[in-house]
């Protein structure tokens, strides 16, 4: 499994043609206390860079973008009941959705962990 990051602070774990998507610890820290999450429905087609989910905090509402194109296979049901999982475990149990990749080549434009850390340190 490999993990990639976007400049919009999403992470994606890839295992073959399957992937799990969430937001980074940096992103949840910028948002503050998460109070609501809307995850995409199973079967929804998402395009790289397109809106895929919504996260609302006490500070603001923000879109979560699809790091790559694919078909949603599962939205995280735990976030509906407990949106604070995004704060407590953003890069684990606080994942947003799983998808089946349609364009493996789109992963090439994403950052690895070292590049993402360097990107964040420059913000």
N, C-alpha and C. Protein backbone atom coordinates (compact mmCIF):
# COMPACT_ATOMS: atom_id res chain seq x y z
N UNK A 1 0.85 -1.18 0.00
CA UNK A 1 0.00 0.00 0.00
C UNK A 1 0.90 1.24 0.00
N UNK A 2 0.50 2.22 -0.77
CA UNK A 2 1.27 3.47 -0.81
C UNK A 2 0.35 4.64 -0.50
N UNK A 3 0.92 5.66 0.15
CA UNK A 3 0.15 6.85 0.52
C UNK A 3 0.67 8.03 -0.27
N UNK A 4 -0.28 8.82 -0.79
CA UNK A 4 0.03 10.03 -1.55
C UNK A 4 -0.76 11.19 -0.94
N UNK A 5 -0.32 12.42 -1.26
CA UNK A 5 -0.95 13.62 -0.72
C UNK A 5 -1.19 14.64 -1.82
N UNK A 6 -2.20 15.50 -1.60
CA UNK A 6 -2.50 16.58 -2.54
C UNK A 6 -2.16 17.93 -1.91
N UNK A 7 -2.09 18.96 -2.74
CA UNK A 7 -1.86 20.31 -2.23
C UNK A 7 -3.10 20.85 -1.52
N UNK A 8 -4.24 20.16 -1.66
CA UNK A 8 -5.46 20.54 -0.94
C UNK A 8 -5.59 19.80 0.38
N UNK A 9 -4.53 19.08 0.76
CA UNK A 9 -4.43 18.40 2.06
C UNK A 9 -5.31 17.16 2.19
N UNK A 10 -5.52 16.46 1.08
CA UNK A 10 -6.12 15.15 1.14
C UNK A 10 -5.00 14.11 1.09
N UNK A 11 -5.26 12.97 1.70
CA UNK A 11 -4.34 11.83 1.56
C UNK A 11 -5.11 10.70 0.89
N UNK A 12 -4.36 9.82 0.23
CA UNK A 12 -4.97 8.66 -0.42
C UNK A 12 -4.03 7.47 -0.24
N UNK A 13 -4.58 6.41 0.33
CA UNK A 13 -3.86 5.14 0.45
C UNK A 13 -4.30 4.27 -0.72
N UNK A 14 -3.34 3.77 -1.48
CA UNK A 14 -3.65 2.99 -2.67
C UNK A 14 -3.16 1.56 -2.50
N UNK A 15 -4.06 0.62 -2.80
CA UNK A 15 -3.74 -0.80 -2.78
C UNK A 15 -4.31 -1.40 -4.06
N UNK A 16 -3.45 -1.51 -5.08
CA UNK A 16 -3.93 -1.98 -6.38
C UNK A 16 -4.82 -0.93 -7.01
N UNK A 17 -6.08 -1.30 -7.31
CA UNK A 17 -7.04 -0.37 -7.89
C UNK A 17 -7.99 0.20 -6.84
N UNK A 18 -7.76 -0.14 -5.58
CA UNK A 18 -8.62 0.34 -4.49
C UNK A 18 -7.89 1.40 -3.69
N UNK A 19 -8.64 2.36 -3.17
CA UNK A 19 -8.03 3.45 -2.42
C UNK A 19 -8.95 3.93 -1.30
N UNK A 20 -8.33 4.51 -0.28
CA UNK A 20 -9.03 5.14 0.83
C UNK A 20 -8.58 6.60 0.88
N UNK A 21 -9.53 7.52 1.06
CA UNK A 21 -9.25 8.95 1.01
C UNK A 21 -9.67 9.63 2.31
N UNK A 22 -8.86 10.58 2.76
CA UNK A 22 -9.19 11.38 3.93
C UNK A 22 -8.47 12.71 3.86
N UNK A 23 -8.58 13.49 4.94
CA UNK A 23 -7.83 14.75 5.00
C UNK A 23 -6.69 14.59 6.00
N UNK A 24 -5.68 15.39 5.82
CA UNK A 24 -4.47 15.28 6.64
C UNK A 24 -4.67 15.88 8.03
N UNK A 25 -3.73 15.56 8.90
CA UNK A 25 -3.73 16.13 10.24
C UNK A 25 -3.61 17.65 10.15
N UNK A 26 -2.81 18.13 9.22
CA UNK A 26 -2.67 19.58 9.03
C UNK A 26 -4.04 20.20 8.71
N UNK A 27 -4.78 19.58 7.79
CA UNK A 27 -6.08 20.12 7.38
C UNK A 27 -7.06 20.15 8.55
N UNK A 28 -7.14 19.05 9.31
CA UNK A 28 -8.10 19.06 10.43
C UNK A 28 -7.71 20.09 11.47
N UNK A 29 -6.40 20.31 11.65
CA UNK A 29 -5.94 21.33 12.59
C UNK A 29 -6.34 22.73 12.16
N UNK A 30 -6.31 22.99 10.85
CA UNK A 30 -6.71 24.29 10.32
C UNK A 30 -8.22 24.49 10.44
N UNK A 31 -8.98 23.41 10.30
CA UNK A 31 -10.44 23.51 10.38
C UNK A 31 -10.94 23.69 11.81
N UNK A 32 -10.27 23.08 12.77
CA UNK A 32 -10.75 23.11 14.15
C UNK A 32 -11.73 21.98 14.40
N UNK A 33 -12.58 22.14 15.40
CA UNK A 33 -13.50 21.08 15.82
C UNK A 33 -14.51 20.77 14.72
N UNK A 34 -14.47 19.53 14.22
CA UNK A 34 -15.37 19.08 13.16
C UNK A 34 -16.73 18.75 13.77
N UNK A 35 -17.81 19.32 13.18
CA UNK A 35 -19.15 19.10 13.71
C UNK A 35 -20.08 18.36 12.75
N UNK A 36 -19.68 18.28 11.47
CA UNK A 36 -20.53 17.62 10.47
C UNK A 36 -19.68 17.15 9.30
N UNK A 37 -19.99 15.97 8.79
CA UNK A 37 -19.32 15.45 7.60
C UNK A 37 -20.37 14.84 6.68
N UNK A 38 -20.27 15.17 5.40
CA UNK A 38 -21.12 14.55 4.38
C UNK A 38 -20.21 13.75 3.46
N UNK A 39 -20.39 12.43 3.46
CA UNK A 39 -19.56 11.56 2.62
C UNK A 39 -20.31 11.21 1.34
N UNK A 40 -19.59 10.88 0.27
CA UNK A 40 -20.27 10.54 -0.98
C UNK A 40 -20.95 9.18 -0.90
N UNK A 41 -21.97 9.01 -1.72
CA UNK A 41 -22.71 7.76 -1.76
C UNK A 41 -21.99 6.72 -2.61
N UNK A 42 -22.18 5.46 -2.26
CA UNK A 42 -21.63 4.35 -3.03
C UNK A 42 -22.11 4.43 -4.48
N UNK A 43 -21.19 4.21 -5.41
CA UNK A 43 -21.53 4.23 -6.82
C UNK A 43 -21.32 5.57 -7.49
N UNK A 44 -21.09 6.62 -6.71
CA UNK A 44 -20.88 7.95 -7.27
C UNK A 44 -19.53 8.01 -7.99
N UNK A 45 -19.55 8.59 -9.17
CA UNK A 45 -18.32 8.79 -9.94
C UNK A 45 -17.72 10.13 -9.51
N UNK A 46 -16.42 10.12 -9.21
CA UNK A 46 -15.73 11.36 -8.85
C UNK A 46 -14.58 11.57 -9.83
N UNK A 47 -14.28 12.83 -10.11
CA UNK A 47 -13.20 13.18 -11.02
C UNK A 47 -12.06 13.80 -10.21
N UNK A 48 -10.85 13.57 -10.65
CA UNK A 48 -9.69 14.15 -9.97
C UNK A 48 -9.89 15.65 -9.81
N UNK A 49 -9.75 16.13 -8.57
CA UNK A 49 -9.91 17.54 -8.27
C UNK A 49 -11.34 17.98 -8.06
N UNK A 50 -12.29 17.08 -8.28
CA UNK A 50 -13.70 17.43 -8.12
C UNK A 50 -14.16 17.27 -6.68
N UNK A 51 -15.23 17.96 -6.33
CA UNK A 51 -15.79 17.87 -4.99
C UNK A 51 -16.29 16.45 -4.74
N UNK A 52 -15.92 15.90 -3.59
CA UNK A 52 -16.33 14.53 -3.27
C UNK A 52 -17.07 14.44 -1.94
N UNK A 53 -16.70 15.29 -0.99
CA UNK A 53 -17.32 15.25 0.34
C UNK A 53 -17.31 16.67 0.91
N UNK A 54 -18.01 16.83 2.03
CA UNK A 54 -18.07 18.13 2.71
C UNK A 54 -17.74 17.91 4.18
N UNK A 55 -16.95 18.84 4.73
CA UNK A 55 -16.63 18.80 6.15
C UNK A 55 -16.93 20.19 6.72
N UNK A 56 -17.62 20.20 7.86
CA UNK A 56 -17.95 21.47 8.51
C UNK A 56 -17.37 21.47 9.91
N UNK A 57 -16.78 22.61 10.26
CA UNK A 57 -16.23 22.77 11.60
C UNK A 57 -16.88 23.97 12.25
N UNK A 58 -16.49 24.26 13.48
CA UNK A 58 -17.02 25.44 14.14
C UNK A 58 -16.52 26.70 13.45
N UNK A 59 -15.43 26.59 12.66
CA UNK A 59 -14.86 27.74 11.97
C UNK A 59 -15.42 27.93 10.56
N UNK A 60 -15.57 26.83 9.81
CA UNK A 60 -15.90 26.96 8.39
C UNK A 60 -16.39 25.64 7.81
N UNK A 61 -16.93 25.72 6.61
CA UNK A 61 -17.26 24.52 5.83
C UNK A 61 -16.24 24.43 4.70
N UNK A 62 -15.89 23.22 4.34
CA UNK A 62 -14.89 23.03 3.30
C UNK A 62 -15.22 21.78 2.49
N UNK A 63 -14.85 21.82 1.22
CA UNK A 63 -15.01 20.64 0.38
C UNK A 63 -13.80 19.73 0.53
N UNK A 64 -14.03 18.46 0.36
CA UNK A 64 -12.96 17.47 0.27
C UNK A 64 -12.95 17.04 -1.18
N UNK A 65 -11.79 17.15 -1.82
CA UNK A 65 -11.68 16.86 -3.25
C UNK A 65 -11.15 15.46 -3.49
N UNK A 66 -11.52 14.90 -4.62
CA UNK A 66 -11.03 13.58 -5.00
C UNK A 66 -9.60 13.72 -5.52
N UNK A 67 -8.65 13.02 -4.90
CA UNK A 67 -7.26 13.10 -5.37
C UNK A 67 -7.06 12.48 -6.74
N UNK A 68 -7.92 11.54 -7.09
CA UNK A 68 -7.89 10.85 -8.39
C UNK A 68 -9.33 10.54 -8.80
N UNK A 69 -9.50 10.16 -10.04
CA UNK A 69 -10.82 9.78 -10.55
C UNK A 69 -11.15 8.35 -10.14
N UNK A 70 -12.44 8.10 -9.92
CA UNK A 70 -12.84 6.75 -9.59
C UNK A 70 -14.31 6.65 -9.24
N UNK A 71 -14.69 5.48 -8.78
CA UNK A 71 -16.06 5.20 -8.35
C UNK A 71 -16.05 4.93 -6.86
N UNK A 72 -16.87 5.66 -6.13
CA UNK A 72 -16.95 5.48 -4.68
C UNK A 72 -17.50 4.10 -4.37
N UNK A 73 -16.79 3.37 -3.51
CA UNK A 73 -17.26 2.04 -3.11
C UNK A 73 -17.83 2.06 -1.70
N UNK A 74 -17.47 3.09 -0.91
CA UNK A 74 -17.97 3.18 0.46
C UNK A 74 -17.69 4.56 1.04
N UNK A 75 -18.71 5.16 1.65
CA UNK A 75 -18.52 6.37 2.45
C UNK A 75 -18.38 5.92 3.90
N UNK A 76 -17.55 6.57 4.68
CA UNK A 76 -17.31 6.14 6.06
C UNK A 76 -18.54 6.40 6.92
N UNK A 77 -19.30 5.36 7.28
CA UNK A 77 -20.52 5.55 8.07
C UNK A 77 -20.24 6.06 9.48
N UNK A 78 -19.06 5.81 10.00
CA UNK A 78 -18.73 6.25 11.36
C UNK A 78 -18.69 7.77 11.47
N UNK A 79 -18.37 8.46 10.37
CA UNK A 79 -18.28 9.93 10.42
C UNK A 79 -19.64 10.59 10.56
N UNK A 80 -20.68 9.92 10.08
CA UNK A 80 -22.03 10.47 10.21
C UNK A 80 -22.41 10.51 11.69
N UNK A 81 -22.08 9.44 12.40
CA UNK A 81 -22.40 9.35 13.84
C UNK A 81 -21.42 10.17 14.69
N UNK A 82 -20.14 10.21 14.29
CA UNK A 82 -19.11 10.85 15.11
C UNK A 82 -18.12 11.62 14.23
N UNK A 83 -18.50 12.83 13.77
CA UNK A 83 -17.62 13.61 12.91
C UNK A 83 -16.28 13.94 13.56
N UNK A 84 -16.22 13.92 14.89
CA UNK A 84 -14.98 14.27 15.58
C UNK A 84 -13.86 13.26 15.33
N UNK A 85 -14.18 12.10 14.73
CA UNK A 85 -13.14 11.15 14.34
C UNK A 85 -12.13 11.80 13.40
N UNK A 86 -12.59 12.78 12.63
CA UNK A 86 -11.68 13.49 11.72
C UNK A 86 -10.63 14.24 12.53
N UNK A 87 -11.01 14.77 13.70
CA UNK A 87 -10.04 15.45 14.57
C UNK A 87 -9.14 14.48 15.31
N UNK A 88 -9.73 13.42 15.85
CA UNK A 88 -8.96 12.51 16.70
C UNK A 88 -8.08 11.53 15.93
N UNK A 89 -8.47 11.17 14.71
CA UNK A 89 -7.69 10.21 13.93
C UNK A 89 -7.86 10.49 12.43
N UNK A 90 -7.39 11.68 11.97
CA UNK A 90 -7.65 12.10 10.60
C UNK A 90 -7.02 11.19 9.54
N UNK A 91 -5.92 10.56 9.87
CA UNK A 91 -5.24 9.73 8.87
C UNK A 91 -5.40 8.24 9.18
N UNK A 92 -6.49 7.93 9.90
CA UNK A 92 -6.81 6.54 10.25
C UNK A 92 -8.31 6.36 10.19
N UNK A 93 -8.95 6.19 11.37
CA UNK A 93 -10.39 5.92 11.45
C UNK A 93 -11.24 7.07 10.91
N UNK A 94 -10.66 8.26 10.76
CA UNK A 94 -11.40 9.42 10.26
C UNK A 94 -11.39 9.55 8.74
N UNK A 95 -11.12 8.46 8.03
CA UNK A 95 -11.15 8.50 6.55
C UNK A 95 -12.54 8.87 6.06
N UNK A 96 -12.63 9.40 4.84
CA UNK A 96 -13.90 9.87 4.29
C UNK A 96 -14.58 8.86 3.37
N UNK A 97 -13.83 8.32 2.42
CA UNK A 97 -14.45 7.39 1.48
C UNK A 97 -13.40 6.47 0.85
N UNK A 98 -13.92 5.36 0.31
CA UNK A 98 -13.10 4.41 -0.43
C UNK A 98 -13.56 4.47 -1.88
N UNK A 99 -12.62 4.24 -2.78
CA UNK A 99 -12.99 4.26 -4.19
C UNK A 99 -12.18 3.26 -5.00
N UNK A 100 -12.72 2.95 -6.15
CA UNK A 100 -12.05 2.11 -7.13
C UNK A 100 -11.49 3.05 -8.19
N UNK A 101 -10.17 3.01 -8.37
CA UNK A 101 -9.51 3.93 -9.30
C UNK A 101 -9.87 3.63 -10.75
N UNK A 102 -10.02 4.69 -11.54
CA UNK A 102 -10.24 4.51 -12.97
C UNK A 102 -9.04 4.99 -13.78
N UNK A 103 -8.17 5.79 -13.18
CA UNK A 103 -7.00 6.34 -13.87
C UNK A 103 -5.76 6.24 -12.98
N UNK A 104 -5.13 5.10 -12.94
CA UNK A 104 -3.92 4.91 -12.11
C UNK A 104 -2.87 5.99 -12.38
N UNK A 105 -2.78 6.44 -13.62
CA UNK A 105 -1.75 7.42 -13.99
C UNK A 105 -1.91 8.74 -13.24
N UNK A 106 -3.11 9.04 -12.74
CA UNK A 106 -3.33 10.29 -12.01
C UNK A 106 -2.55 10.34 -10.69
N UNK A 107 -2.12 9.20 -10.20
CA UNK A 107 -1.33 9.16 -8.96
C UNK A 107 0.03 9.82 -9.14
N UNK A 108 0.51 9.87 -10.37
CA UNK A 108 1.84 10.38 -10.64
C UNK A 108 2.01 11.84 -10.25
N UNK A 109 0.96 12.63 -10.26
CA UNK A 109 1.05 14.05 -9.94
C UNK A 109 0.94 14.35 -8.45
N UNK A 110 0.80 13.33 -7.61
CA UNK A 110 0.62 13.54 -6.18
C UNK A 110 1.96 13.47 -5.44
N UNK A 111 1.98 13.99 -4.23
CA UNK A 111 3.20 14.02 -3.42
C UNK A 111 3.33 12.79 -2.53
N UNK A 112 4.57 12.41 -2.24
CA UNK A 112 4.81 11.39 -1.22
C UNK A 112 4.89 12.10 0.13
N UNK A 113 5.10 11.36 1.20
CA UNK A 113 5.07 11.96 2.54
C UNK A 113 6.14 13.03 2.73
N UNK A 114 7.34 12.78 2.25
CA UNK A 114 8.44 13.75 2.41
C UNK A 114 8.11 15.05 1.66
N UNK A 115 7.60 14.93 0.45
CA UNK A 115 7.26 16.13 -0.32
C UNK A 115 6.11 16.89 0.34
N UNK A 116 5.13 16.15 0.89
CA UNK A 116 4.01 16.83 1.55
C UNK A 116 4.49 17.57 2.80
N UNK A 117 5.35 16.94 3.59
CA UNK A 117 5.87 17.62 4.79
C UNK A 117 6.62 18.89 4.41
N UNK A 118 7.40 18.83 3.34
CA UNK A 118 8.12 20.03 2.87
C UNK A 118 7.13 21.10 2.41
N UNK A 119 6.07 20.68 1.72
CA UNK A 119 5.03 21.61 1.26
C UNK A 119 4.38 22.32 2.45
N UNK A 120 3.98 21.54 3.46
CA UNK A 120 3.31 22.11 4.64
C UNK A 120 4.25 23.03 5.41
N UNK A 121 5.51 22.68 5.50
CA UNK A 121 6.45 23.52 6.25
C UNK A 121 6.64 24.88 5.60
N UNK A 122 6.32 24.99 4.31
CA UNK A 122 6.44 26.26 3.60
C UNK A 122 5.18 27.11 3.68
N UNK A 123 4.14 26.63 4.33
CA UNK A 123 2.88 27.39 4.41
C UNK A 123 2.90 28.39 5.55
